[in-house]
Structure formats: C-alpha cells, structure tokens
Amino acid sequence: MKKDIVVVDRDDAAKDVLFWKNKTPEERLNAVELLREQYYVIQGYKDIPRIERVIRIVERVK
C-alpha cells in the first residue's frame, strides 16, 4: 500500500470528504483497520481483538 502525506487545513471539511470519496472501498477499510490496530496498541493490548460478529434473531410481530 502506497502511503502519502498530505498537509491540509483542519477547518476544511470539504477537502477531507473529497479525499475519502476518491479512495476505493478497500482503501477506506484498510485505513479504518489501521486506526483500529493503532488504538489497541496505544491501549496496551498485546493481541489485537478481532471484530466480533453478532447475529440477533428477532421475532416479528404481525
């Protein structure tokens, strides 16, 4: 994955949105995963927890 450093004005939300709209879904997911991993490292986790998939069965009322 190629990494670029871009300096932007913090108050310019439109450029931020445009930046992420120009990324592929895979690039966006990779960015989220990187941030998630970094968060757990900062919190002191030795093993990074996996995202848990929760399935709920709900009875519909007719």
PDB file of N, CA and C in Angstrom:
ATOM      1  N   MET A   1       0.841  -1.170   0.000  1.00  0.00           N
ATOM      2  CA  MET A   1       0.000   0.000   0.000  1.00  0.00           C
ATOM      3  C   MET A   1       0.891   1.240   0.000  1.00  0.00           C
ATOM      4  N   LYS A   2       0.683   2.125  -0.938  1.00  0.00           N
ATOM      5  CA  LYS A   2       1.434   3.366  -1.036  1.00  0.00           C
ATOM      6  C   LYS A   2       0.901   4.349  -0.010  1.00  0.00           C
ATOM      7  N   LYS A   3       1.793   4.994   0.723  1.00  0.00           N
ATOM      8  CA  LYS A   3       1.382   5.950   1.742  1.00  0.00           C
ATOM      9  C   LYS A   3       1.853   7.337   1.336  1.00  0.00           C
ATOM     10  N   ASP A   4       0.924   8.283   1.361  1.00  0.00           N
ATOM     11  CA  ASP A   4       1.225   9.670   1.054  1.00  0.00           C
ATOM     12  C   ASP A   4       0.948  10.519   2.280  1.00  0.00           C
ATOM     13  N   ILE A   5       1.704  11.571   2.434  1.00  0.00           N
ATOM     14  CA  ILE A   5       1.445  12.532   3.495  1.00  0.00           C
ATOM     15  C   ILE A   5       0.936  13.802   2.830  1.00  0.00           C
ATOM     16  N   VAL A   6      -0.233  14.246   3.295  1.00  0.00           N
ATOM     17  CA  VAL A   6      -0.851  15.447   2.737  1.00  0.00           C
ATOM     18  C   VAL A   6      -1.139  16.390   3.898  1.00  0.00           C
ATOM     19  N   VAL A   7      -0.710  17.636   3.792  1.00  0.00           N
ATOM     20  CA  VAL A   7      -0.975  18.642   4.810  1.00  0.00           C
ATOM     21  C   VAL A   7      -2.186  19.449   4.375  1.00  0.00           C
ATOM     22  N   VAL A   8      -3.207  19.477   5.241  1.00  0.00           N
ATOM     23  CA  VAL A   8      -4.434  20.212   4.925  1.00  0.00           C
ATOM     24  C   VAL A   8      -4.846  21.071   6.103  1.00  0.00           C
ATOM     25  N   ASP A   9      -5.678  22.042   5.838  1.00  0.00           N
ATOM     26  CA  ASP A   9      -6.244  22.903   6.872  1.00  0.00           C
ATOM     27  C   ASP A   9      -7.284  22.106   7.648  1.00  0.00           C
ATOM     28  N   ARG A  10      -7.178  22.067   8.969  1.00  0.00           N
ATOM     29  CA  ARG A  10      -8.114  21.292   9.796  1.00  0.00           C
ATOM     30  C   ARG A  10      -9.558  21.747   9.630  1.00  0.00           C
ATOM     31  N   ASP A  11      -9.776  23.012   9.310  1.00  0.00           N
ATOM     32  CA  ASP A  11     -11.132  23.540   9.204  1.00  0.00           C
ATOM     33  C   ASP A  11     -11.761  23.298   7.844  1.00  0.00           C
ATOM     34  N   ASP A  12     -11.052  22.674   6.931  1.00  0.00           N
ATOM     35  CA  ASP A  12     -11.569  22.459   5.583  1.00  0.00           C
ATOM     36  C   ASP A  12     -12.142  21.045   5.452  1.00  0.00           C
ATOM     37  N   ALA A  13     -13.362  20.854   5.937  1.00  0.00           N
ATOM     38  CA  ALA A  13     -14.009  19.542   5.930  1.00  0.00           C
ATOM     39  C   ALA A  13     -14.315  19.078   4.509  1.00  0.00           C
ATOM     40  N   ALA A  14     -14.562  20.002   3.594  1.00  0.00           N
ATOM     41  CA  ALA A  14     -14.900  19.625   2.218  1.00  0.00           C
ATOM     42  C   ALA A  14     -13.737  18.876   1.561  1.00  0.00           C
ATOM     43  N   LYS A  15     -12.520  19.312   1.807  1.00  0.00           N
ATOM     44  CA  LYS A  15     -11.360  18.615   1.245  1.00  0.00           C
ATOM     45  C   LYS A  15     -11.216  17.227   1.854  1.00  0.00           C
ATOM     46  N   ASP A  16     -11.536  17.104   3.139  1.00  0.00           N
ATOM     47  CA  ASP A  16     -11.466  15.811   3.813  1.00  0.00           C
ATOM     48  C   ASP A  16     -12.462  14.835   3.196  1.00  0.00           C
ATOM     49  N   VAL A  17     -13.673  15.290   2.973  1.00  0.00           N
ATOM     50  CA  VAL A  17     -14.695  14.447   2.363  1.00  0.00           C
ATOM     51  C   VAL A  17     -14.280  14.064   0.946  1.00  0.00           C
ATOM     52  N   LEU A  18     -13.788  15.003   0.192  1.00  0.00           N
ATOM     53  CA  LEU A  18     -13.345  14.742  -1.177  1.00  0.00           C
ATOM     54  C   LEU A  18     -12.194  13.733  -1.194  1.00  0.00           C
ATOM     55  N   PHE A  19     -11.273  13.876  -0.240  1.00  0.00           N
ATOM     56  CA  PHE A  19     -10.153  12.938  -0.142  1.00  0.00           C
ATOM     57  C   PHE A  19     -10.661  11.509  -0.002  1.00  0.00           C
ATOM     58  N   TRP A  20     -11.606  11.272   0.922  1.00  0.00           N
ATOM     59  CA  TRP A  20     -12.095   9.914   1.164  1.00  0.00           C
ATOM     60  C   TRP A  20     -13.013   9.417   0.061  1.00  0.00           C
ATOM     61  N   LYS A  21     -13.720  10.314  -0.608  1.00  0.00           N
ATOM     62  CA  LYS A  21     -14.561   9.898  -1.736  1.00  0.00           C
ATOM     63  C   LYS A  21     -13.721   9.407  -2.907  1.00  0.00           C
ATOM     64  N   ASN A  22     -12.512   9.897  -2.999  1.00  0.00           N
ATOM     65  CA  ASN A  22     -11.621   9.487  -4.089  1.00  0.00           C
ATOM     66  C   ASN A  22     -10.895   8.175  -3.800  1.00  0.00           C
ATOM     67  N   LYS A  23     -11.075   7.629  -2.612  1.00  0.00           N
ATOM     68  CA  LYS A  23     -10.455   6.354  -2.247  1.00  0.00           C
ATOM     69  C   LYS A  23     -11.406   5.207  -2.562  1.00  0.00           C
ATOM     70  N   THR A  24     -10.837   4.055  -2.863  1.00  0.00           N
ATOM     71  CA  THR A  24     -11.661   2.870  -3.117  1.00  0.00           C
ATOM     72  C   THR A  24     -12.186   2.350  -1.779  1.00  0.00           C
ATOM     73  N   PRO A  25     -13.252   1.545  -1.811  1.00  0.00           N
ATOM     74  CA  PRO A  25     -13.752   0.964  -0.557  1.00  0.00           C
ATOM     75  C   PRO A  25     -12.666   0.162   0.178  1.00  0.00           C
ATOM     76  N   GLU A  26     -11.811  -0.526  -0.560  1.00  0.00           N
ATOM     77  CA  GLU A  26     -10.735  -1.290   0.062  1.00  0.00           C
ATOM     78  C   GLU A  26      -9.756  -0.366   0.796  1.00  0.00           C
ATOM     79  N   GLU A  27      -9.424   0.764   0.171  1.00  0.00           N
ATOM     80  CA  GLU A  27      -8.515   1.715   0.809  1.00  0.00           C
ATOM     81  C   GLU A  27      -9.140   2.296   2.077  1.00  0.00           C
ATOM     82  N   ARG A  28     -10.427   2.566   2.041  1.00  0.00           N
ATOM     83  CA  ARG A  28     -11.117   3.095   3.220  1.00  0.00           C
ATOM     84  C   ARG A  28     -11.114   2.070   4.349  1.00  0.00           C
ATOM     85  N   LEU A  29     -11.414   0.819   4.021  1.00  0.00           N
ATOM     86  CA  LEU A  29     -11.411  -0.228   5.045  1.00  0.00           C
ATOM     87  C   LEU A  29     -10.014  -0.440   5.616  1.00  0.00           C
ATOM     88  N   ASN A  30      -9.011  -0.391   4.769  1.00  0.00           N
ATOM     89  CA  ASN A  30      -7.631  -0.523   5.241  1.00  0.00           C
ATOM     90  C   ASN A  30      -7.275   0.605   6.209  1.00  0.00           C
ATOM     91  N   ALA A  31      -7.745   1.811   5.925  1.00  0.00           N
ATOM     92  CA  ALA A  31      -7.477   2.947   6.806  1.00  0.00           C
ATOM     93  C   ALA A  31      -8.164   2.751   8.156  1.00  0.00           C
ATOM     94  N   VAL A  32      -9.394   2.279   8.146  1.00  0.00           N
ATOM     95  CA  VAL A  32     -10.122   2.029   9.392  1.00  0.00           C
ATOM     96  C   VAL A  32      -9.420   0.933  10.190  1.00  0.00           C
ATOM     97  N   GLU A  33      -8.999  -0.120   9.517  1.00  0.00           N
ATOM     98  CA  GLU A  33      -8.316  -1.218  10.200  1.00  0.00           C
ATOM     99  C   GLU A  33      -7.000  -0.741  10.808  1.00  0.00           C
ATOM    100  N   LEU A  34      -6.260   0.089  10.097  1.00  0.00           N
ATOM    101  CA  LEU A  34      -5.006   0.625  10.617  1.00  0.00           C
ATOM    102  C   LEU A  34      -5.262   1.451  11.871  1.00  0.00           C
ATOM    103  N   LEU A  35      -6.272   2.304  11.849  1.00  0.00           N
ATOM    104  CA  LEU A  35      -6.594   3.123  13.016  1.00  0.00           C
ATOM    105  C   LEU A  35      -7.036   2.260  14.192  1.00  0.00           C
ATOM    106  N   ARG A  36      -7.801   1.213  13.903  1.00  0.00           N
ATOM    107  CA  ARG A  36      -8.264   0.304  14.950  1.00  0.00           C
ATOM    108  C   ARG A  36      -7.072  -0.402  15.612  1.00  0.00           C
ATOM    109  N   GLU A  37      -6.156  -0.890  14.795  1.00  0.00           N
ATOM    110  CA  GLU A  37      -4.974  -1.563  15.321  1.00  0.00           C
ATOM    111  C   GLU A  37      -4.118  -0.605  16.153  1.00  0.00           C
ATOM    112  N   GLN A  38      -3.940   0.621  15.668  1.00  0.00           N
ATOM    113  CA  GLN A  38      -3.158   1.604  16.400  1.00  0.00           C
ATOM    114  C   GLN A  38      -3.796   1.928  17.752  1.00  0.00           C
ATOM    115  N   TYR A  39      -5.108   2.004  17.787  1.00  0.00           N
ATOM    116  CA  TYR A  39      -5.822   2.285  19.028  1.00  0.00           C
ATOM    117  C   TYR A  39      -5.539   1.202  20.058  1.00  0.00           C
ATOM    118  N   TYR A  40      -5.631  -0.062  19.652  1.00  0.00           N
ATOM    119  CA  TYR A  40      -5.406  -1.153  20.590  1.00  0.00           C
ATOM    120  C   TYR A  40      -3.955  -1.204  21.064  1.00  0.00           C
ATOM    121  N   VAL A  41      -3.009  -0.887  20.201  1.00  0.00           N
ATOM    122  CA  VAL A  41      -1.609  -0.845  20.609  1.00  0.00           C
ATOM    123  C   VAL A  41      -1.411   0.252  21.655  1.00  0.00           C
ATOM    124  N   ILE A  42      -1.993   1.422  21.423  1.00  0.00           N
ATOM    125  CA  ILE A  42      -1.887   2.534  22.374  1.00  0.00           C
ATOM    126  C   ILE A  42      -2.513   2.162  23.713  1.00  0.00           C
ATOM    127  N   GLN A  43      -3.596   1.402  23.685  1.00  0.00           N
ATOM    128  CA  GLN A  43      -4.279   0.981  24.910  1.00  0.00           C
ATOM    129  C   GLN A  43      -3.530  -0.120  25.645  1.00  0.00           C
ATOM    130  N   GLY A  44      -2.489  -0.680  25.040  1.00  0.00           N
ATOM    131  CA  GLY A  44      -1.661  -1.662  25.706  1.00  0.00           C
ATOM    132  C   GLY A  44      -2.041  -3.112  25.469  1.00  0.00           C
ATOM    133  N   TYR A  45      -2.886  -3.382  24.496  1.00  0.00           N
ATOM    134  CA  TYR A  45      -3.248  -4.762  24.181  1.00  0.00           C
ATOM    135  C   TYR A  45      -2.049  -5.476  23.555  1.00  0.00           C
ATOM    136  N   LYS A  46      -1.783  -6.693  24.002  1.00  0.00           N
ATOM    137  CA  LYS A  46      -0.712  -7.480  23.386  1.00  0.00           C
ATOM    138  C   LYS A  46      -1.224  -8.151  22.115  1.00  0.00           C
ATOM    139  N   ASP A  47      -2.461  -8.624  22.161  1.00  0.00           N
ATOM    140  CA  ASP A  47      -3.108  -9.215  20.994  1.00  0.00           C
ATOM    141  C   ASP A  47      -4.272  -8.319  20.592  1.00  0.00           C
ATOM    142  N   ILE A  48      -4.323  -7.980  19.334  1.00  0.00           N
ATOM    143  CA  ILE A  48      -5.395  -7.108  18.847  1.00  0.00           C
ATOM    144  C   ILE A  48      -6.673  -7.927  18.701  1.00  0.00           C
ATOM    145  N   PRO A  49      -7.751  -7.524  19.399  1.00  0.00           N
ATOM    146  CA  PRO A  49      -9.002  -8.278  19.295  1.00  0.00           C
ATOM    147  C   PRO A  49      -9.591  -8.181  17.893  1.00  0.00           C
ATOM    148  N   ARG A  50     -10.243  -9.243  17.500  1.00  0.00           N
ATOM    149  CA  ARG A  50     -10.920  -9.250  16.209  1.00  0.00           C
ATOM    150  C   ARG A  50     -12.289  -8.607  16.369  1.00  0.00           C
ATOM    151  N   ILE A  51     -12.825  -8.118  15.275  1.00  0.00           N
ATOM    152  CA  ILE A  51     -14.174  -7.567  15.312  1.00  0.00           C
ATOM    153  C   ILE A  51     -15.147  -8.720  15.468  1.00  0.00           C
ATOM    154  N   GLU A  52     -16.036  -8.589  16.449  1.00  0.00           N
ATOM    155  CA  GLU A  52     -16.985  -9.659  16.740  1.00  0.00           C
ATOM    156  C   GLU A  52     -18.232  -9.490  15.879  1.00  0.00           C
ATOM    157  N   ARG A  53     -18.654 -10.576  15.301  1.00  0.00           N
ATOM    158  CA  ARG A  53     -19.883 -10.548  14.512  1.00  0.00           C
ATOM    159  C   ARG A  53     -21.021 -11.024  15.411  1.00  0.00           C
ATOM    160  N   VAL A  54     -22.029 -10.197  15.540  1.00  0.00           N
ATOM    161  CA  VAL A  54     -23.169 -10.516  16.389  1.00  0.00           C
ATOM    162  C   VAL A  54     -24.390 -10.730  15.510  1.00  0.00           C
ATOM    163  N   ILE A  55     -25.046 -11.842  15.726  1.00  0.00           N
ATOM    164  CA  ILE A  55     -26.262 -12.138  14.971  1.00  0.00           C
ATOM    165  C   ILE A  55     -27.408 -12.206  15.971  1.00  0.00           C
ATOM    166  N   ARG A  56     -28.457 -11.475  15.703  1.00  0.00           N
ATOM    167  CA  ARG A  56     -29.632 -11.490  16.570  1.00  0.00           C
ATOM    168  C   ARG A  56     -30.827 -11.980  15.773  1.00  0.00           C
ATOM    169  N   ILE A  57     -31.574 -12.861  16.371  1.00  0.00           N
ATOM    170  CA  ILE A  57     -32.805 -13.338  15.756  1.00  0.00           C
ATOM    171  C   ILE A  57     -33.951 -12.610  16.451  1.00  0.00           C
ATOM    172  N   VAL A  58     -34.721 -11.892  15.664  1.00  0.00           N
ATOM    173  CA  VAL A  58     -35.809 -11.100  16.202  1.00  0.00           C
ATOM    174  C   VAL A  58     -37.117 -11.628  15.644  1.00  0.00           C
ATOM    175  N   GLU A  59     -38.052 -11.868  16.538  1.00  0.00           N
ATOM    176  CA  GLU A  59     -39.369 -12.332  16.105  1.00  0.00           C
ATOM    177  C   GLU A  59     -40.204 -11.120  15.722  1.00  0.00           C
ATOM    178  N   ARG A  60     -40.722 -11.142  14.510  1.00  0.00           N
ATOM    179  CA  ARG A  60     -41.541 -10.043  14.027  1.00  0.00           C
ATOM    180  C   ARG A  60     -42.964 -10.172  14.537  1.00  0.00           C
ATOM    181  N   VAL A  61     -43.518  -9.058  14.951  1.00  0.00           N
ATOM    182  CA  VAL A  61     -44.915  -9.036  15.386  1.00  0.00           C
ATOM    183  C   VAL A  61     -45.755  -8.633  14.207  1.00  0.00           C
ATOM    184  N   LYS A  62     -46.755  -9.483  13.893  1.00  0.00           N
ATOM    185  CA  LYS A  62     -47.596  -9.187  12.737  1.00  0.00           C
ATOM    186  C   LYS A  62     -48.901  -8.583  13.142  1.00  0.00           C
TER     187      LYS A  62
END
